[in-house]
């Protein structure tokens, strides 16, 4: 495990070796608060100040809402707020190429046959920046298999076509075939876009972490730095060891807590669904304790579409996608609806404070009072893993964002 001092030394050494004069840092938002990207960015910022190097910071928001002042300070420390620039995935991008339909068809085994536009935030392409620094965490992910590296640019700082198509491609191909793995169809699409288009337009430097956060305390198990694909591959290998937990048999009742600092929508909170779906038994039960979830989508358009169509399963959602233009224009939402459903294999109960029980029920979940369920399944008392509550065995997960859970009986590693 790396200390903060060791991380600082590694970051400074990498910057001194490259001698940049003007840096753009593309950093994750607060939903990646346990990535230690905040420490890396803070160290890099102060190195820039001390060495008279220009520096600006682009928030890799994807479709998420911009960070608040409180979130920026909590994650990134004393970096001046004016250095941070939000990303608008609908308007702030420039198209730099297109992944051919033939390539997409090949890597998806014929399941998707459309070309994918490659778009990134204009700041990334600004020639005044002689180094684009991208820190972030490699961790199991439902769309790409393992998060980060090029995903930070093509989704976090990307445009609508890449975001929408990459998400629906992952959903159509199947989460169980991808989560926790490298070289998935979506990763191959990002690799193509990186090699053929983005790497020719800017100098990219990856600083990729592998972290866990027991009791919300970040533990950095590895930091991998470099310009090529090797940092990603090394980080993937370590994350598969540190961030994937196997259970010996299907979990009958799983209780997941969504930290109120991190999760405010089902768009983000449904990590509780797709990070556990490979471990929950058929006919099992998932209870999500979500004290701060007060909406469905991260923006008004996505929220409205989730309310309209709901989390009703993969086949039903794909039928809706074929029939409705609003979903076709927002394929990322269709993918999200698939990710957030159990396909009827297990029940999903959402225990909330600030969404009505009818609204929860209307989108396809079982509603419950947070106060009532949190009293029974008290996050302050439960320990990670198996617990006994009122004579019943449950499996408790305090943060679904940092892991992937798999039943050994059903899935190979």
Protein backbone atom coordinates (compact mmCIF):
# COMPACT_ATOMS: atom_id res chain seq x y z
CA UNK A 1 0.00 0.00 0.00
CA UNK A 2 1.31 3.45 -0.94
CA UNK A 3 1.65 6.33 1.50
CA UNK A 4 0.72 9.90 0.57
CA UNK A 5 4.44 10.71 0.58
CA UNK A 6 5.19 7.95 -1.91
CA UNK A 7 2.35 9.09 -4.18
CA UNK A 8 3.63 12.67 -4.05
CA UNK A 9 7.13 11.55 -4.98
CA UNK A 10 5.87 9.48 -7.92
CA UNK A 11 3.73 12.32 -9.29
CA UNK A 12 6.51 14.90 -9.02
CA UNK A 13 9.07 12.56 -10.58
CA UNK A 14 6.78 11.96 -13.58
CA UNK A 15 6.23 15.69 -14.10
CA UNK A 16 9.91 16.58 -13.74
CA UNK A 17 10.85 13.94 -16.30
CA UNK A 18 8.43 15.41 -18.86
CA UNK A 19 9.05 19.12 -18.17
CA UNK A 20 5.65 20.46 -19.35
CA UNK A 21 5.04 24.19 -19.69
CA UNK A 22 1.25 24.17 -19.67
CA UNK A 23 -0.89 21.37 -18.22
CA UNK A 24 -4.57 20.49 -18.53
CA UNK A 25 -5.67 18.11 -15.80
CA UNK A 26 -8.79 16.09 -16.65
CA UNK A 27 -10.01 14.99 -13.23
CA UNK A 28 -12.89 12.82 -11.98
CA UNK A 29 -15.82 14.31 -10.10
CA UNK A 30 -16.92 13.67 -6.56
CA UNK A 31 -18.49 10.32 -7.47
CA UNK A 32 -14.86 9.12 -7.56
CA UNK A 33 -13.98 10.69 -4.21
CA UNK A 34 -12.24 7.51 -3.02
CA UNK A 35 -9.92 7.34 -6.04
CA UNK A 36 -7.13 9.50 -4.53
CA UNK A 37 -7.23 11.51 -7.75
CA UNK A 38 -7.76 14.49 -5.45
CA UNK A 39 -4.35 14.04 -3.84
CA UNK A 40 -2.66 13.48 -7.20
CA UNK A 41 -4.23 16.62 -8.69
CA UNK A 42 -3.36 18.69 -5.64
CA UNK A 43 0.28 17.59 -5.77
CA UNK A 44 0.44 18.29 -9.51
CA UNK A 45 -1.16 21.73 -9.07
CA UNK A 46 1.33 22.84 -6.43
CA UNK A 47 4.23 21.52 -8.52
CA UNK A 48 2.97 23.66 -11.38
CA UNK A 49 2.77 26.75 -9.17
CA UNK A 50 6.26 26.18 -7.78
CA UNK A 51 7.73 25.67 -11.26
CA UNK A 52 5.87 28.46 -13.09
CA UNK A 53 3.91 25.94 -15.19
CA UNK A 54 0.46 26.92 -16.43
CA UNK A 55 -2.38 24.70 -15.24
CA UNK A 56 -6.15 24.42 -15.74
CA UNK A 57 -8.51 21.69 -14.60
CA UNK A 58 -11.37 20.10 -16.54
CA UNK A 59 -13.97 18.13 -14.57
CA UNK A 60 -14.61 14.80 -16.31
CA UNK A 61 -18.32 14.89 -15.50
CA UNK A 62 -19.75 12.78 -18.29
CA UNK A 63 -23.50 13.16 -17.76
CA UNK A 64 -23.13 14.00 -14.05
CA UNK A 65 -23.93 17.36 -12.47
CA UNK A 66 -20.97 19.72 -11.86
CA UNK A 67 -19.23 19.50 -8.53
CA UNK A 68 -20.25 21.92 -5.82
CA UNK A 69 -17.75 24.20 -4.12
CA UNK A 70 -17.95 21.99 -1.04
CA UNK A 71 -17.25 18.83 -3.07
CA UNK A 72 -14.28 20.41 -4.88
CA UNK A 73 -12.70 21.51 -1.60
CA UNK A 74 -13.35 18.14 0.04
CA UNK A 75 -11.79 16.20 -2.82
CA UNK A 76 -9.15 18.56 -4.22
CA UNK A 77 -8.11 20.60 -1.21
CA UNK A 78 -6.77 24.12 -1.64
CA UNK A 79 -6.71 24.29 -5.44
CA UNK A 80 -8.40 27.62 -6.34
CA UNK A 81 -12.00 27.15 -7.52
CA UNK A 82 -11.42 29.29 -10.61
CA UNK A 83 -9.07 26.63 -11.95
CA UNK A 84 -11.97 24.17 -12.34
CA UNK A 85 -14.00 24.05 -15.55
CA UNK A 86 -17.18 21.99 -15.89
CA UNK A 87 -17.85 19.79 -18.91
CA UNK A 88 -21.09 20.02 -20.90
CA UNK A 89 -21.39 16.74 -22.80
CA UNK A 90 -24.00 18.17 -25.15
CA UNK A 91 -22.28 21.42 -26.18
CA UNK A 92 -18.57 21.62 -25.22
CA UNK A 93 -17.20 19.01 -27.62
CA UNK A 94 -15.47 18.79 -30.98
CA UNK A 95 -15.65 15.77 -33.25
CA UNK A 96 -12.18 14.42 -34.09
CA UNK A 97 -13.04 11.18 -35.86
CA UNK A 98 -15.33 8.18 -36.14
CA UNK A 99 -14.92 4.54 -35.16
CA UNK A 100 -16.06 2.66 -38.29
CA UNK A 101 -19.24 0.60 -38.23
CA UNK A 102 -17.27 -2.42 -39.50
CA UNK A 103 -14.98 -2.29 -36.46
CA UNK A 104 -17.90 -1.86 -34.06
CA UNK A 105 -19.69 -4.82 -35.63
CA UNK A 106 -16.56 -6.96 -35.34
CA UNK A 107 -15.85 -6.26 -31.66
CA UNK A 108 -19.51 -6.61 -30.63
CA UNK A 109 -19.86 -9.94 -32.43
CA UNK A 110 -22.46 -8.40 -34.73
CA UNK A 111 -24.69 -7.08 -31.93
CA UNK A 112 -24.15 -3.41 -32.87
CA UNK A 113 -23.45 -2.13 -36.37
CA UNK A 114 -23.29 1.68 -36.19
CA UNK A 115 -20.27 3.95 -36.48
CA UNK A 116 -19.43 5.87 -33.30
CA UNK A 117 -18.47 9.53 -33.35
CA UNK A 118 -15.36 10.44 -31.36
CA UNK A 119 -15.90 13.73 -29.55
CA UNK A 120 -13.97 15.37 -26.71
CA UNK A 121 -14.08 18.63 -24.82
CA UNK A 122 -12.41 21.45 -26.77
CA UNK A 123 -10.04 22.21 -23.90
CA UNK A 124 -8.42 18.80 -24.37
CA UNK A 125 -7.59 19.76 -27.96
CA UNK A 126 -6.25 23.24 -27.16
CA UNK A 127 -2.64 23.28 -28.50
CA UNK A 128 -1.49 25.55 -25.68
CA UNK A 129 -1.51 22.51 -23.39
CA UNK A 130 1.62 20.46 -23.99
CA UNK A 131 0.49 17.84 -21.48
CA UNK A 132 -2.97 16.47 -20.69
CA UNK A 133 -2.79 14.76 -17.32
CA UNK A 134 -5.55 12.26 -16.51
CA UNK A 135 -5.62 10.85 -12.96
CA UNK A 136 -8.26 8.37 -11.85
CA UNK A 137 -9.15 4.98 -10.47
CA UNK A 138 -9.27 1.65 -12.28
CA UNK A 139 -12.21 -0.26 -10.82
CA UNK A 140 -14.85 -2.71 -12.14
CA UNK A 141 -17.38 -0.95 -14.35
CA UNK A 142 -20.70 -1.96 -15.89
CA UNK A 143 -20.20 -0.29 -19.30
CA UNK A 144 -16.55 -0.83 -20.12
CA UNK A 145 -15.45 -3.66 -17.81
CA UNK A 146 -12.77 -1.70 -15.97
CA UNK A 147 -13.10 2.06 -15.59
CA UNK A 148 -10.71 4.85 -16.45
CA UNK A 149 -7.83 5.61 -18.80
CA UNK A 150 -9.43 6.55 -22.17
CA UNK A 151 -12.90 6.41 -20.61
CA UNK A 152 -11.97 9.53 -18.63
CA UNK A 153 -11.64 11.40 -21.93
CA UNK A 154 -14.24 9.80 -24.20
CA UNK A 155 -17.01 9.62 -21.57
CA UNK A 156 -15.92 11.92 -18.76
CA UNK A 157 -14.98 14.66 -21.23
CA UNK A 158 -16.81 13.20 -24.23
CA UNK A 159 -19.84 13.89 -26.38
CA UNK A 160 -23.34 12.54 -26.65
CA UNK A 161 -22.81 10.00 -29.44
CA UNK A 162 -19.88 8.25 -27.78
CA UNK A 163 -21.54 8.34 -24.35
CA UNK A 164 -24.87 7.06 -25.63
CA UNK A 165 -23.54 4.40 -27.97
CA UNK A 166 -20.86 3.08 -25.63
CA UNK A 167 -23.43 2.63 -22.88
CA UNK A 168 -26.00 0.87 -25.03
CA UNK A 169 -23.31 -1.33 -26.62
CA UNK A 170 -22.27 -2.45 -23.15
CA UNK A 171 -25.88 -3.13 -22.18
CA UNK A 172 -26.64 -5.09 -25.36
CA UNK A 173 -23.43 -7.11 -25.11
CA UNK A 174 -24.19 -7.97 -21.48
CA UNK A 175 -22.78 -6.70 -18.20
CA UNK A 176 -21.93 -10.17 -16.93
CA UNK A 177 -19.67 -10.70 -19.94
CA UNK A 178 -17.71 -7.52 -19.24
CA UNK A 179 -17.59 -6.36 -15.63
CA UNK A 180 -14.13 -6.74 -14.13
CA UNK A 181 -12.48 -7.50 -17.49
CA UNK A 182 -10.17 -5.69 -19.89
CA UNK A 183 -10.47 -5.83 -23.72
CA UNK A 184 -14.27 -5.65 -23.73
CA UNK A 185 -16.06 -4.34 -26.85
CA UNK A 186 -16.38 -0.85 -25.38
CA UNK A 187 -12.74 -0.79 -24.28
CA UNK A 188 -11.69 -1.84 -27.78
CA UNK A 189 -13.72 1.04 -29.23
CA UNK A 190 -11.99 3.46 -26.87
CA UNK A 191 -8.60 1.95 -27.74
CA UNK A 192 -9.34 2.51 -31.43
CA UNK A 193 -10.42 6.11 -30.87
CA UNK A 194 -7.37 6.80 -28.74
CA UNK A 195 -4.89 5.32 -31.19
CA UNK A 196 -6.37 6.74 -34.38
CA UNK A 197 -7.52 10.17 -33.24
CA UNK A 198 -6.84 11.56 -29.77
CA UNK A 199 -3.23 10.48 -29.25
CA UNK A 200 -2.36 12.38 -32.43
CA UNK A 201 -3.87 15.60 -31.10
CA UNK A 202 -2.42 15.82 -27.59
CA UNK A 203 0.20 14.42 -25.21
CA UNK A 204 -1.66 12.25 -22.70
CA UNK A 205 -0.23 11.11 -19.39
CA UNK A 206 -2.18 8.59 -17.29
CA UNK A 207 -1.92 8.40 -13.51
CA UNK A 208 -4.08 5.43 -12.58
CA UNK A 209 -4.81 4.27 -9.05
CA UNK A 210 -6.13 1.07 -7.53
CA UNK A 211 -7.87 1.85 -4.26
CA UNK A 212 -10.13 0.44 -1.60
CA UNK A 213 -11.77 2.44 1.18
CA UNK A 214 -12.54 0.45 4.32
CA UNK A 215 -14.52 2.65 6.72
CA UNK A 216 -14.28 5.44 4.10
CA UNK A 217 -10.51 5.69 4.51
CA UNK A 218 -8.70 5.58 1.16
CA UNK A 219 -6.08 2.87 0.76
CA UNK A 220 -4.04 3.18 -2.42
CA UNK A 221 -2.68 -0.22 -3.41
CA UNK A 222 -1.03 0.97 -6.62
CA UNK A 223 -0.31 4.01 -8.78
CA UNK A 224 0.56 3.39 -12.44
CA UNK A 225 1.96 6.23 -14.56
CA UNK A 226 2.73 6.42 -18.26
CA UNK A 227 1.62 7.38 -21.77
CA UNK A 228 0.86 3.96 -23.25
CA UNK A 229 -1.57 1.15 -22.36
CA UNK A 230 0.70 -0.58 -19.85
CA UNK A 231 -0.42 1.51 -16.83
CA UNK A 232 -4.00 0.45 -17.55
CA UNK A 233 -3.12 -3.22 -17.90
CA UNK A 234 -1.06 -3.21 -14.70
CA UNK A 235 -3.86 -1.42 -12.84
CA UNK A 236 -6.48 -3.83 -14.18
CA UNK A 237 -4.50 -6.81 -12.91
CA UNK A 238 -4.25 -5.30 -9.42
CA UNK A 239 -7.87 -4.11 -9.36
CA UNK A 240 -9.05 -7.61 -10.24
CA UNK A 241 -7.26 -8.74 -7.08
CA UNK A 242 -8.33 -5.86 -4.79
CA UNK A 243 -11.77 -4.82 -6.07
CA UNK A 244 -13.49 -8.11 -6.92
CA UNK A 245 -14.94 -10.14 -4.05
CA UNK A 246 -16.16 -13.70 -4.57
CA UNK A 247 -18.85 -15.36 -2.49
CA UNK A 248 -19.16 -19.13 -2.35
CA UNK A 249 -22.90 -19.23 -2.97
CA UNK A 250 -25.63 -16.87 -4.13
CA UNK A 251 -26.56 -14.15 -1.63
CA UNK A 252 -30.19 -14.47 -0.54
CA UNK A 253 -30.48 -11.02 1.03
CA UNK A 254 -28.03 -8.23 0.27
CA UNK A 255 -28.13 -4.83 2.01
CA UNK A 256 -26.20 -1.98 0.38
CA UNK A 257 -25.61 1.45 1.90
CA UNK A 258 -25.25 4.52 -0.34
CA UNK A 259 -23.07 7.15 1.30
CA UNK A 260 -25.05 10.39 1.46
CA UNK A 261 -22.03 12.45 0.41
CA UNK A 262 -21.62 10.48 -2.80
CA UNK A 263 -25.04 9.24 -3.98
CA UNK A 264 -27.94 11.60 -4.72
CA UNK A 265 -29.68 9.86 -7.64
CA UNK A 266 -30.61 6.36 -8.74
CA UNK A 267 -28.45 7.11 -11.80
CA UNK A 268 -25.45 6.79 -9.51
CA UNK A 269 -27.02 4.72 -6.74
CA UNK A 270 -27.83 1.82 -9.03
CA UNK A 271 -24.22 0.76 -8.64
CA UNK A 272 -25.86 -1.14 -5.79
CA UNK A 273 -27.75 -3.15 -8.42
CA UNK A 274 -25.20 -3.89 -11.10
CA UNK A 275 -22.16 -4.37 -8.89
CA UNK A 276 -24.02 -7.05 -6.89
CA UNK A 277 -26.15 -8.72 -9.57
CA UNK A 278 -23.54 -11.40 -10.25
CA UNK A 279 -23.59 -12.43 -6.59
CA UNK A 280 -27.31 -12.35 -5.68
CA UNK A 281 -29.20 -15.63 -5.86
CA UNK A 282 -32.21 -16.16 -8.10
CA UNK A 283 -35.24 -15.15 -6.06
CA UNK A 284 -33.02 -13.15 -3.71
CA UNK A 285 -33.55 -9.70 -2.30
CA UNK A 286 -31.53 -6.49 -2.62
CA UNK A 287 -32.20 -3.69 -0.13
CA UNK A 288 -30.67 -0.31 -0.92
CA UNK A 289 -30.34 2.15 1.96
CA UNK A 290 -30.26 5.50 0.17
CA UNK A 291 -30.59 8.41 2.63
CA UNK A 292 -29.64 11.18 0.18
CA UNK A 293 -31.12 9.87 -3.09
CA UNK A 294 -33.72 12.49 -4.03
CA UNK A 295 -34.00 12.07 -7.81
CA UNK A 296 -33.62 9.54 -10.59
CA UNK A 297 -31.53 11.18 -13.32
CA UNK A 298 -28.56 13.50 -13.03
CA UNK A 299 -30.24 16.04 -15.30
CA UNK A 300 -33.86 16.92 -16.07
CA UNK A 301 -33.97 15.12 -19.43
CA UNK A 302 -32.63 11.86 -18.08
CA UNK A 303 -34.77 12.11 -14.94
CA UNK A 304 -37.92 12.52 -17.03
CA UNK A 305 -37.07 9.53 -19.23
CA UNK A 306 -36.40 7.29 -16.22
CA UNK A 307 -39.76 8.29 -14.74
CA UNK A 308 -41.47 7.65 -18.08
CA UNK A 309 -40.05 4.19 -18.83
CA UNK A 310 -38.72 2.78 -15.54
CA UNK A 311 -36.36 -0.05 -14.71
CA UNK A 312 -38.31 -2.89 -16.33
CA UNK A 313 -35.66 -5.26 -17.67
CA UNK A 314 -33.33 -5.69 -20.65
CA UNK A 315 -35.72 -7.17 -23.20
CA UNK A 316 -38.53 -4.73 -22.38
CA UNK A 317 -36.16 -1.76 -22.53
CA UNK A 318 -34.73 -2.83 -25.90
CA UNK A 319 -38.28 -3.06 -27.25
CA UNK A 320 -38.96 0.44 -25.95
CA UNK A 321 -35.75 1.65 -27.56
CA UNK A 322 -36.88 0.38 -30.96
CA UNK A 323 -40.28 2.05 -30.58
CA UNK A 324 -39.53 5.46 -29.06
CA UNK A 325 -37.56 8.34 -30.56
CA UNK A 326 -36.83 9.99 -27.21
CA UNK A 327 -34.96 6.88 -26.04
CA UNK A 328 -33.20 6.59 -29.40
CA UNK A 329 -31.94 10.13 -28.90
CA UNK A 330 -30.80 9.24 -25.37
CA UNK A 331 -29.43 5.71 -25.62
CA UNK A 332 -27.39 6.19 -22.49
CA UNK A 333 -30.65 6.34 -20.56
CA UNK A 334 -31.85 3.10 -22.17
CA UNK A 335 -28.58 1.47 -21.12
CA UNK A 336 -28.99 2.83 -17.61
CA UNK A 337 -32.48 1.36 -17.38
CA UNK A 338 -31.06 -2.02 -18.30
CA UNK A 339 -28.20 -1.70 -15.80
CA UNK A 340 -30.61 -0.76 -13.01
CA UNK A 341 -32.91 -3.75 -13.43
CA UNK A 342 -32.53 -7.27 -12.10
CA UNK A 343 -34.47 -8.64 -15.09
CA UNK A 344 -36.90 -10.06 -12.55
CA UNK A 345 -34.23 -12.35 -11.10
CA UNK A 346 -34.26 -10.75 -7.64
CA UNK A 347 -36.28 -8.00 -5.96
CA UNK A 348 -34.94 -4.48 -5.44
CA UNK A 349 -36.11 -2.36 -2.52
CA UNK A 350 -35.15 1.32 -2.43
CA UNK A 351 -35.30 2.86 1.06
CA UNK A 352 -35.29 6.65 0.63
CA UNK A 353 -36.25 9.83 2.43
CA UNK A 354 -37.02 12.37 -0.27
CA UNK A 355 -38.78 10.49 -3.09
CA UNK A 356 -42.37 9.39 -2.64
CA UNK A 357 -43.16 5.69 -2.40
CA UNK A 358 -45.39 5.98 -5.46
CA UNK A 359 -42.55 7.45 -7.54
CA UNK A 360 -40.24 4.62 -6.47
CA UNK A 361 -42.89 2.04 -7.31
CA UNK A 362 -43.67 3.64 -10.66
CA UNK A 363 -40.10 3.14 -11.90
CA UNK A 364 -40.13 -0.53 -10.95
CA UNK A 365 -38.63 -0.71 -7.47
CA UNK A 366 -40.17 -1.71 -4.15
CA UNK A 367 -40.48 1.44 -2.00
CA UNK A 368 -39.53 1.62 1.67
CA UNK A 369 -38.88 4.18 4.39
CA UNK A 370 -35.19 4.81 4.99
CA UNK A 371 -35.74 5.39 8.71
CA UNK A 372 -37.56 2.10 9.15
CA UNK A 373 -35.06 -0.07 7.29
CA UNK A 374 -31.99 1.77 8.60
CA UNK A 375 -33.25 1.07 12.12
CA UNK A 376 -33.38 -2.63 11.35
CA UNK A 377 -30.24 -2.72 9.21
CA UNK A 378 -28.17 -0.07 10.98
CA UNK A 379 -25.15 0.96 8.85
CA UNK A 380 -23.35 2.03 12.01
CA UNK A 381 -23.57 -1.48 13.45
CA UNK A 382 -23.29 -3.78 10.44
CA UNK A 383 -19.92 -5.09 9.32
CA UNK A 384 -18.92 -5.70 5.72
CA UNK A 385 -19.91 -9.22 4.66
CA UNK A 386 -22.24 -11.64 6.39
CA UNK A 387 -24.26 -10.47 9.41
CA UNK A 388 -27.19 -11.94 11.34
CA UNK A 389 -30.14 -9.59 11.87
CA UNK A 390 -33.19 -10.84 13.80
CA UNK A 391 -32.07 -14.40 13.15
CA UNK A 392 -31.71 -13.84 9.39
CA UNK A 393 -28.43 -13.91 7.46
CA UNK A 394 -27.70 -10.87 5.29
CA UNK A 395 -24.69 -9.74 3.28
CA UNK A 396 -23.81 -6.08 3.92
CA UNK A 397 -21.92 -3.79 1.53
CA UNK A 398 -21.09 -0.28 2.83
CA UNK A 399 -20.10 1.17 -0.58
CA UNK A 400 -20.85 -0.50 -3.93
CA UNK A 401 -18.74 1.94 -5.97
CA UNK A 402 -15.41 0.36 -5.12
CA UNK A 403 -16.04 -3.26 -5.97
CA UNK A 404 -17.71 -6.08 -7.83
CA UNK A 405 -19.26 -9.12 -6.18
CA UNK A 406 -19.43 -12.50 -7.93
CA UNK A 407 -20.94 -15.88 -7.01
CA UNK A 408 -18.30 -18.54 -7.65
CA UNK A 409 -21.01 -21.12 -8.37
CA UNK A 410 -22.29 -19.29 -11.45
CA UNK A 411 -19.45 -17.26 -12.92
CA UNK A 412 -15.85 -18.00 -13.78
CA UNK A 413 -13.20 -15.49 -12.75
